[in-house]
Protein backbone atom coordinates (compact mmCIF):
# COMPACT_ATOMS: atom_id res chain seq x y z
CA MET A 1 -21.28 28.66 10.12
CA SER A 2 -17.61 28.63 10.50
CA GLU A 3 -15.04 31.29 9.27
CA ILE A 4 -11.97 30.32 7.20
CA GLN A 5 -9.16 32.39 8.33
CA MET A 6 -5.92 33.02 6.52
CA PRO A 7 -3.48 30.37 7.98
CA ARG A 8 0.18 30.55 8.85
CA LEU A 9 1.71 28.26 6.21
CA SER A 10 5.38 28.98 6.82
CA ASP A 11 7.52 30.13 9.70
CA THR A 12 8.15 33.39 8.21
CA MET A 13 4.78 34.15 6.68
CA GLU A 14 3.08 37.42 7.74
CA GLU A 15 0.53 37.56 5.02
CA GLY A 16 -0.85 35.62 2.07
CA VAL A 17 -2.26 36.20 -1.37
CA ILE A 18 -5.26 34.39 -2.50
CA SER A 19 -3.84 32.76 -5.74
CA THR A 20 -6.94 30.68 -6.77
CA TRP A 21 -10.26 29.69 -5.29
CA VAL A 22 -10.64 26.01 -6.05
CA LYS A 23 -14.18 25.88 -4.45
CA GLN A 24 -16.86 28.49 -5.46
CA VAL A 25 -19.63 29.90 -3.47
CA GLY A 26 -22.38 27.20 -3.24
CA ASP A 27 -19.98 24.32 -3.80
CA LYS A 28 -20.22 21.29 -1.42
CA VAL A 29 -17.09 20.96 0.69
CA ALA A 30 -15.83 17.75 2.45
CA SER A 31 -13.16 17.71 5.02
CA GLY A 32 -9.75 17.38 3.26
CA ASP A 33 -11.04 19.08 0.11
CA VAL A 34 -8.67 21.86 -1.25
CA LEU A 35 -10.55 25.08 -0.75
CA VAL A 36 -8.05 27.76 -1.89
CA GLU A 37 -4.42 28.05 -3.24
CA ILE A 38 -2.53 30.54 -1.20
CA GLU A 39 0.71 32.19 -2.22
CA THR A 40 2.98 32.52 0.76
CA ASP A 41 6.44 33.99 1.23
CA LYS A 42 7.88 30.73 -0.04
CA ALA A 43 5.61 28.91 -2.46
CA VAL A 44 1.93 28.54 -3.48
CA MET A 45 0.27 26.11 -1.21
CA GLU A 46 -3.07 24.28 -0.96
CA TYR A 47 -5.39 24.97 2.02
CA GLU A 48 -7.81 22.28 2.91
CA ALA A 49 -11.13 22.27 4.60
CA TYR A 50 -11.29 20.82 8.16
CA GLU A 51 -15.01 20.19 8.16
CA ASP A 52 -17.91 19.33 5.88
CA GLY A 53 -20.39 21.85 4.62
CA TYR A 54 -20.82 24.32 1.74
CA LEU A 55 -18.76 27.33 0.84
CA VAL A 56 -21.26 30.17 1.24
CA LYS A 57 -18.94 33.32 1.10
CA GLN A 58 -15.58 34.21 -0.46
CA SER A 59 -14.64 37.31 1.64
CA VAL A 60 -11.42 37.87 -0.22
CA SER A 61 -11.03 37.99 -4.05
CA GLU A 62 -8.21 36.16 -5.89
CA GLY A 63 -5.13 38.41 -6.04
CA ASP A 64 -5.87 40.04 -2.74
CA THR A 65 -3.29 40.11 0.02
CA VAL A 66 -4.44 39.67 3.54
CA PRO A 67 -2.75 39.17 6.98
CA ILE A 68 -2.69 35.95 8.84
CA GLY A 69 -5.92 35.46 10.73
CA ALA A 70 -8.07 37.54 8.46
CA VAL A 71 -11.35 35.93 7.33
CA ILE A 72 -11.14 34.82 3.84
CA GLY A 73 -14.41 32.77 3.61
CA VAL A 74 -17.27 31.05 5.31
CA ILE A 75 -18.54 27.52 5.40
CA GLY A 76 -22.18 26.85 6.08
CA ASP A 77 -24.46 24.01 6.62
CA SER A 78 -26.41 24.54 3.41
CA PRO A 79 -25.66 26.19 0.10
CA ASP A 80 -28.43 28.74 0.88
CA ALA A 81 -27.03 29.69 4.30
CA VAL A 82 -26.66 33.52 4.58
CA PRO A 83 -23.39 34.44 6.59
CA GLU A 84 -23.71 37.39 8.92
CA ASP A 85 -22.20 40.50 7.56
CA SER A 86 -20.30 42.79 9.80
CA GLY A 87 -21.25 45.78 7.61
CA SER A 88 -17.83 46.62 6.31
CA GLY A 89 -17.61 43.69 3.93
CA GLY A 90 -15.98 40.26 4.33
CA SER A 91 -12.58 40.25 6.03
CA GLU A 92 -12.79 43.81 7.36
CA PRO A 93 -13.22 42.72 11.13
CA ALA A 94 -9.97 40.72 10.79
CA GLU A 95 -8.28 43.64 9.16
CA GLU A 96 -9.03 45.73 12.34
CA SER A 97 -6.45 43.61 14.15
CA SER A 98 -4.05 44.80 16.84
CA GLY A 99 -0.66 46.14 16.05
CA SER A 100 0.64 48.68 13.72
CA ALA A 101 -1.26 47.63 10.72
CA GLY A 102 -4.66 47.97 12.58
CA ALA A 103 -3.56 51.32 14.01
CA GLU A 104 -2.48 52.58 10.57
CA GLU A 105 -5.97 51.67 9.19
CA ALA A 106 -7.88 53.17 12.07
CA ALA A 107 -5.90 56.43 11.75
CA SER A 108 -6.51 56.58 8.08
CA GLU A 109 -10.25 56.03 8.45
CA SER A 110 -10.38 58.75 11.21
CA ALA A 111 -8.64 61.18 9.08
CA GLU A 112 -10.86 60.55 6.10
CA GLU A 113 -13.95 60.95 8.32
CA SER A 114 -12.66 64.34 9.69
CA ALA A 115 -11.80 65.67 6.22
CA PRO A 116 -14.15 68.18 4.31
CA ALA A 117 -16.93 66.33 2.65
CA GLU A 118 -16.61 65.89 -1.03
CA ALA A 119 -19.25 65.09 -3.52
CA PRO A 120 -19.86 61.40 -3.15
CA ALA A 121 -18.70 59.37 -6.18
CA PRO A 122 -20.54 56.20 -7.32
CA SER A 123 -19.76 53.04 -5.25
CA SER A 124 -20.95 49.64 -5.83
CA GLY A 125 -20.76 48.79 -2.00
CA GLY A 126 -22.07 52.15 -0.82
CA GLY A 127 -25.75 51.41 -0.54
CA GLU A 128 -25.72 49.42 2.71
CA ASP A 129 -22.37 50.56 4.18
CA GLY A 130 -22.64 54.40 3.53
CA PRO A 131 -20.30 56.45 1.47
CA ARG A 132 -17.23 54.51 2.17
CA PRO A 133 -16.78 51.76 -0.43
CA ARG A 134 -15.76 48.19 0.49
CA THR A 135 -11.93 47.92 0.21
CA SER A 136 -9.15 45.82 1.35
CA PRO A 137 -6.20 47.33 3.35
CA LEU A 138 -3.85 46.91 0.40
CA ALA A 139 -6.25 48.56 -2.02
CA ARG A 140 -6.34 51.67 0.33
CA ARG A 141 -2.63 51.74 0.61
CA LEU A 142 -2.16 51.53 -3.07
CA ALA A 143 -4.72 54.15 -3.74
CA ARG A 144 -2.80 56.51 -1.42
CA GLU A 145 0.53 55.76 -3.11
CA TYR A 146 -0.91 56.25 -6.52
CA GLY A 147 -2.79 59.49 -5.54
CA LEU A 148 -6.11 58.01 -6.52
CA ASP A 149 -9.47 58.88 -5.14
CA ILE A 150 -10.73 55.48 -4.07
CA ASN A 151 -14.41 56.66 -4.03
CA SER A 152 -14.26 56.99 -7.84
CA ILE A 153 -12.98 53.44 -8.44
CA GLN A 154 -15.51 50.66 -9.51
CA GLY A 155 -14.83 47.58 -7.35
CA SER A 156 -14.76 44.12 -9.09
CA GLY A 157 -14.68 41.96 -5.83
CA PRO A 158 -17.58 40.49 -3.82
CA LYS A 159 -20.36 42.99 -3.44
CA GLY A 160 -18.46 45.54 -5.24
CA ARG A 161 -15.37 45.47 -2.99
CA ILE A 162 -12.39 47.27 -4.32
CA VAL A 163 -9.33 45.07 -4.61
CA ARG A 164 -5.71 45.51 -5.59
CA ALA A 165 -6.49 44.77 -9.13
CA ASP A 166 -8.97 47.58 -9.47
CA ILE A 167 -6.50 49.99 -8.16
CA GLU A 168 -3.74 48.84 -10.55
CA ALA A 169 -6.14 49.03 -13.46
CA ALA A 170 -7.18 52.54 -12.65
CA ALA A 171 -3.68 53.54 -12.27
CA LYS A 172 -2.72 52.00 -15.62
CA ASP A 173 -5.46 53.64 -17.68
CA GLY A 174 -5.66 56.80 -15.80
CA ALA A 175 -9.52 56.44 -15.24
CA ALA A 176 -9.51 57.39 -11.56
CA ARG A 177 -8.22 60.71 -10.42
CA GLU A 178 -8.72 62.79 -7.31
CA SER A 179 -11.72 65.09 -7.41
CA ALA A 180 -10.80 68.62 -8.46
CA PRO A 181 -12.83 71.58 -9.47
CA ALA A 182 -13.13 72.02 -13.28
CA ALA A 183 -11.12 74.90 -14.87
CA PRO A 184 -13.13 77.61 -16.56
CA ALA A 185 -13.35 77.16 -20.14
CA ALA A 186 -11.68 80.47 -20.89
CA LYS A 187 -8.67 79.75 -18.96
CA GLU A 188 -5.67 77.95 -20.37
CA THR A 189 -5.84 74.19 -19.81
CA ARG A 190 -3.26 73.00 -17.28
CA PRO A 191 -2.21 69.50 -16.49
CA ALA A 192 -3.66 68.10 -13.22
CA PRO A 193 -1.31 68.04 -10.16
CA ALA A 194 1.14 65.18 -10.29
CA ALA A 195 -0.45 63.65 -7.05
CA ALA A 196 -3.71 63.45 -8.65
CA GLN A 197 -2.69 61.76 -11.84
CA ALA A 198 -2.57 58.02 -12.18
CA ALA A 199 0.92 56.67 -11.87
CA PRO A 200 2.57 56.59 -15.32
CA ALA A 201 4.71 53.91 -16.62
CA PHE A 202 8.33 54.19 -15.91
CA ASP A 203 9.90 56.78 -18.35
CA ASP A 204 13.61 56.35 -17.50
CA GLY A 205 14.97 56.40 -21.04
CA ARG A 206 15.46 52.61 -20.76
CA ASP A 207 11.89 51.49 -22.01
CA SER A 208 11.30 49.88 -18.54
CA GLU A 209 8.23 47.91 -17.54
CA GLU A 210 7.32 47.27 -13.89
CA LEU A 211 6.81 43.53 -13.30
CA LYS A 212 4.60 41.83 -10.66
CA VAL A 213 6.65 40.77 -7.67
CA SER A 214 5.70 37.52 -6.02
CA ASN A 215 5.60 37.07 -2.26
CA VAL A 216 8.50 34.68 -2.59
CA ARG A 217 10.48 37.32 -4.44
CA LYS A 218 9.72 39.97 -1.78
CA VAL A 219 10.82 37.61 1.02
CA ILE A 220 14.08 36.67 -0.81
CA ALA A 221 14.76 40.51 -1.13
CA ARG A 222 14.07 41.27 2.39
CA ARG A 223 15.86 38.24 3.90
CA LEU A 224 18.90 38.43 1.85
CA THR A 225 19.26 42.20 2.48
CA GLU A 226 18.86 41.55 6.13
CA SER A 227 21.51 38.81 5.88
CA LYS A 228 24.06 41.09 4.25
CA GLN A 229 23.31 43.97 6.40
CA THR A 230 23.26 42.20 9.76
CA VAL A 231 25.48 39.00 9.32
CA PRO A 232 29.10 39.67 9.37
CA HIS A 233 30.14 37.38 6.50
CA PHE A 234 33.72 36.13 6.01
CA TYR A 235 34.67 33.75 3.13
CA LEU A 236 37.02 30.72 2.97
CA ARG A 237 38.05 29.36 -0.47
CA ARG A 238 39.56 25.96 -1.45
CA THR A 239 39.93 24.09 -4.60
CA ILE A 240 39.84 20.28 -4.44
CA ASP A 241 41.04 17.49 -6.63
CA ALA A 242 38.01 15.71 -7.84
CA GLU A 243 39.57 12.66 -9.66
CA ALA A 244 38.81 10.32 -6.86
CA LEU A 245 35.27 11.78 -6.43
CA LYS A 246 34.44 11.31 -10.02
CA GLY A 247 35.69 7.81 -9.98
CA PHE A 248 33.81 7.06 -6.74
CA ARG A 249 30.56 8.39 -8.14
CA GLY A 250 31.07 6.25 -11.30
CA GLN A 251 31.41 3.08 -9.16
CA ILE A 252 28.37 3.89 -7.08
CA ASN A 253 26.10 4.53 -10.03
CA GLU A 254 27.38 1.42 -11.77
CA GLN A 255 26.19 -0.71 -8.65
CA LEU A 256 22.91 1.12 -8.48
CA ALA A 257 22.16 0.80 -12.12
CA SER A 258 19.74 -2.01 -11.63
CA THR A 259 17.73 0.05 -9.13
CA GLY A 260 17.26 3.10 -11.38
CA ALA A 261 18.85 5.33 -8.70
CA LYS A 262 21.57 7.77 -9.68
CA ILE A 263 23.96 9.67 -7.47
CA SER A 264 24.95 13.23 -8.41
CA PHE A 265 27.98 15.19 -7.34
CA ASN A 266 25.89 17.38 -5.40
CA ASP A 267 24.48 14.36 -3.46
CA LEU A 268 27.98 13.39 -2.54
CA ILE A 269 29.02 17.00 -1.48
CA VAL A 270 25.74 17.21 0.68
CA LYS A 271 26.57 13.96 2.38
CA ALA A 272 30.32 15.03 2.82
CA CYS A 273 29.06 18.24 4.48
CA ALA A 274 26.95 16.38 6.93
CA THR A 275 30.02 14.20 7.81
CA ALA A 276 32.21 17.26 8.25
CA LEU A 277 29.60 18.85 10.45
CA LYS A 278 29.63 15.87 12.71
CA LEU A 279 33.38 16.48 13.01
CA HIS A 280 32.92 20.17 13.69
CA PRO A 281 29.76 20.81 15.64
CA ALA A 282 30.73 24.40 16.21
CA VAL A 283 29.77 25.11 12.65
CA ASN A 284 26.30 23.62 13.19
CA THR A 285 25.21 26.48 15.22
CA SER A 286 23.12 29.64 15.00
CA TRP A 287 23.40 33.19 16.33
CA VAL A 288 19.95 34.34 17.36
CA ASP A 289 19.08 37.36 19.58
CA ASP A 290 22.56 37.51 21.13
CA LYS A 291 22.51 33.72 21.98
CA LEU A 292 24.47 31.01 20.35
CA LEU A 293 22.46 27.87 19.61
CA GLN A 294 24.11 24.42 19.24
CA HIS A 295 22.11 22.25 16.93
CA HIS A 296 22.24 18.40 17.67
CA ARG A 297 20.49 17.53 14.42
CA ILE A 298 22.33 18.05 11.15
CA ASN A 299 19.60 19.23 8.52
CA VAL A 300 21.29 20.23 5.22
CA GLY A 301 19.40 22.62 3.02
CA VAL A 302 19.76 22.46 -0.84
CA ALA A 303 19.33 25.59 -2.82
CA VAL A 304 16.90 25.25 -5.72
CA ALA A 305 16.23 27.73 -8.33
CA VAL A 306 12.61 28.19 -9.34
CA ASP A 307 10.63 30.61 -11.50
CA ALA A 308 9.83 32.85 -8.45
CA GLY A 309 13.36 32.89 -7.16
CA LEU A 310 15.18 30.70 -4.93
CA VAL A 311 13.98 28.22 -2.13
CA VAL A 312 15.93 25.95 0.07
CA PRO A 313 14.21 22.57 0.97
CA VAL A 314 15.83 20.86 3.90
CA LEU A 315 17.06 17.26 4.19
CA HIS A 316 16.52 16.56 7.82
CA ASP A 317 19.08 14.31 9.66
CA THR A 318 21.26 14.30 6.61
CA ASP A 319 24.16 12.55 8.49
CA LYS A 320 21.96 9.57 9.03
CA ALA A 321 20.84 9.14 5.52
CA THR A 322 22.28 7.02 2.87
CA LEU A 323 23.36 8.48 -0.34
CA SER A 324 20.35 6.85 -2.33
CA GLU A 325 18.13 8.37 0.34
CA ILE A 326 19.63 11.72 -0.16
CA SER A 327 19.46 11.39 -3.93
CA THR A 328 15.83 10.37 -4.01
CA ARG A 329 14.77 12.93 -1.42
CA THR A 330 16.63 15.82 -3.02
CA ARG A 331 14.86 15.06 -6.24
CA GLU A 332 11.51 14.85 -4.75
CA LEU A 333 11.91 18.27 -2.87
CA ALA A 334 13.41 19.88 -5.98
CA GLY A 335 10.27 18.81 -7.96
CA LYS A 336 7.86 20.10 -5.22
CA ALA A 337 9.93 23.36 -5.19
CA ARG A 338 9.32 23.97 -8.89
CA ASP A 339 5.68 23.08 -8.65
CA GLY A 340 5.14 25.34 -5.55
CA LYS A 341 3.99 22.37 -3.49
CA LEU A 342 6.58 22.39 -0.69
CA LYS A 343 5.23 22.01 2.77
CA PRO A 344 6.47 24.34 5.63
CA GLN A 345 8.27 21.62 7.38
CA GLU A 346 10.17 20.80 4.17
CA MET A 347 11.63 24.34 4.11
CA SER A 348 12.38 24.87 7.89
CA GLY A 349 14.79 23.60 10.37
CA GLY A 350 18.02 23.96 8.31
CA THR A 351 21.37 24.08 10.00
CA PHE A 352 23.57 24.37 6.98
CA SER A 353 23.08 24.94 3.21
CA VAL A 354 24.74 24.01 -0.02
CA SER A 355 24.33 26.11 -3.17
CA ASN A 356 25.71 24.57 -6.26
CA LEU A 357 25.92 26.51 -9.61
CA GLY A 358 28.38 24.09 -11.20
CA MET A 359 25.81 22.76 -13.63
CA PHE A 360 25.77 26.36 -15.24
CA GLY A 361 29.57 26.36 -15.62
CA VAL A 362 30.21 28.85 -12.91
CA ASP A 363 33.77 28.56 -11.69
CA SER A 364 33.18 29.86 -8.25
CA PHE A 365 30.92 32.39 -6.34
CA SER A 366 30.19 33.90 -2.88
CA ALA A 367 26.84 32.68 -1.46
CA VAL A 368 24.71 34.68 1.01
CA ILE A 369 24.18 33.03 4.28
CA ASN A 370 20.66 31.84 4.94
CA PRO A 371 19.79 32.99 8.56
CA PRO A 372 19.76 31.74 11.14
CA GLU A 373 22.34 29.16 9.71
CA ALA A 374 25.98 29.90 10.41
CA ALA A 375 27.44 28.91 7.13
CA ILE A 376 26.60 28.10 3.38
CA LEU A 377 28.92 26.28 0.84
CA ALA A 378 29.12 27.50 -2.67
CA VAL A 379 30.00 24.90 -5.25
CA GLY A 380 31.44 25.72 -8.75
CA ALA A 381 31.79 23.71 -11.87
CA MET A 382 34.24 20.69 -12.18
CA ARG A 383 36.99 21.71 -14.61
CA GLN A 384 40.01 20.12 -15.98
CA GLU A 385 43.22 22.16 -15.06
CA PRO A 386 46.77 21.61 -15.22
CA VAL A 387 48.47 20.91 -11.80
CA VAL A 388 51.76 19.73 -10.72
CA VAL A 389 51.73 16.15 -9.27
CA ASP A 390 54.93 14.59 -8.03
CA GLY A 391 57.11 17.12 -9.92
CA GLU A 392 55.12 16.61 -13.19
CA VAL A 393 52.35 18.73 -14.84
CA VAL A 394 49.24 16.63 -15.33
CA VAL A 395 45.56 17.37 -16.06
CA ARG A 396 43.18 16.79 -13.31
CA ASN A 397 39.51 17.46 -12.52
CA ARG A 398 39.10 20.15 -9.97
CA ILE A 399 36.21 21.85 -8.15
CA SER A 400 36.22 25.14 -6.34
CA LEU A 401 34.54 25.54 -3.06
CA GLU A 402 33.77 28.60 -1.09
CA LEU A 403 32.42 28.71 2.47
CA SER A 404 30.39 31.69 3.64
CA VAL A 405 30.54 31.96 7.46
CA ASP A 406 28.78 33.98 10.09
CA HIS A 407 31.57 35.46 12.17
CA ARG A 408 29.29 36.06 15.19
CA ALA A 409 28.80 32.25 15.59
CA VAL A 410 32.01 30.85 14.04
CA ASP A 411 35.56 32.00 14.17
CA GLY A 412 37.88 31.91 11.31
CA ALA A 413 40.17 29.09 12.45
CA VAL A 414 36.96 26.91 13.09
CA GLY A 415 35.68 27.49 9.66
CA ALA A 416 39.09 26.82 8.14
CA ALA A 417 39.30 23.59 10.04
CA PHE A 418 35.89 22.62 8.84
CA LEU A 419 36.63 23.47 5.19
CA LYS A 420 40.00 21.49 5.39
CA ASP A 421 38.33 18.26 6.63
CA LEU A 422 35.49 18.84 4.08
CA ALA A 423 38.04 18.96 1.20
CA GLU A 424 39.85 15.86 2.50
CA ILE A 425 36.62 13.95 2.67
CA LEU A 426 35.74 14.80 -0.85
CA GLU A 427 39.28 13.84 -1.96
CA GLU A 428 39.06 10.59 -0.16
CA PRO A 429 35.41 9.91 -0.83
CA MET A 430 35.22 6.49 0.92
CA ARG A 431 35.13 8.58 4.10
CA ILE A 432 31.61 9.90 2.82
CA ILE A 433 29.97 6.49 3.56
CA LEU A 434 32.14 5.28 6.54
């Protein structure tokens, strides 16, 4: 028998959600087979088996959130193998891990055991485990937040285990409420205390509906909030003449027509950023724990919008890649991002980022730095504007650039010099490939 534990699938992952069990209990498993799809803080990733055998237990139900290292299943030598049960159901031993989460659960259980006894409610898992039902840590926390009596909720997980979906269903239809003495029939009926009622839908006069929040969205919210609160941003803006860049792109794509490759403006900008970072290594840095790190590799991240939010796949060694390699790799990573198939190494190690909203017609915007990187370039749409050239008013294609910079790592003059050279490289695009 071997336990399947929740793996760390990204550098920032602290817990994962069981999205889909690909293998079911009793299925034969070969090394390399996909066992389960796990939603991390960045994407939905496939988790493969590392040995042959049979899946004999799913300790965690689909939709459950569990911490890294928690037992999510068991692989045995035969389909009839019976896994050892700790007596608390599935992944409970892993849930009693060290740290604040384990201490919180232990304190909660201690408090419940010392509380006055209540009439036991039916529980599908209570037969062999005592009066306490099988539950996940998330289910217990949600029950407390909703003010629900978890003992009165019917579990739908393995062996009647109560999972998040059960708590949310109980809160929605008001089927589960804390135990309370029935009021005498002669007395006026009064509404149950607010804490004992199932959480109602939002009634804010705006016809609001609470939406399910993915792990990706939660991490985006947390990391960007931390970035704006802890990173002292300053912004540098410059508008470039894009006539030469437009012509240069046309020439390259004409030469590449027979290969099927096509270079975008964003590919050119990404490569130009890598070229400028070689000239200004002080921008290719990170401020981490009061230490300034100088990165000797140039890895440019490209922001990609997906249904779950925003992810930033990374082009490693961007300065050494050709334009066609950047174009091909960017499209591959963007496709993986939209399918939720990015690997951890494809989203880590960035030293600079580019966020381009020009395709949406956005003139300009201020991007939020992606820590621990020191800067991010925001790119607006190419627009025809009247400008004065050699004393005459002419119409030229122009693009607005805005550089967001971490002032802890990069000074204003250093950032300005970087943006100046970047603008000149884009206005003389042959420098991109030299």
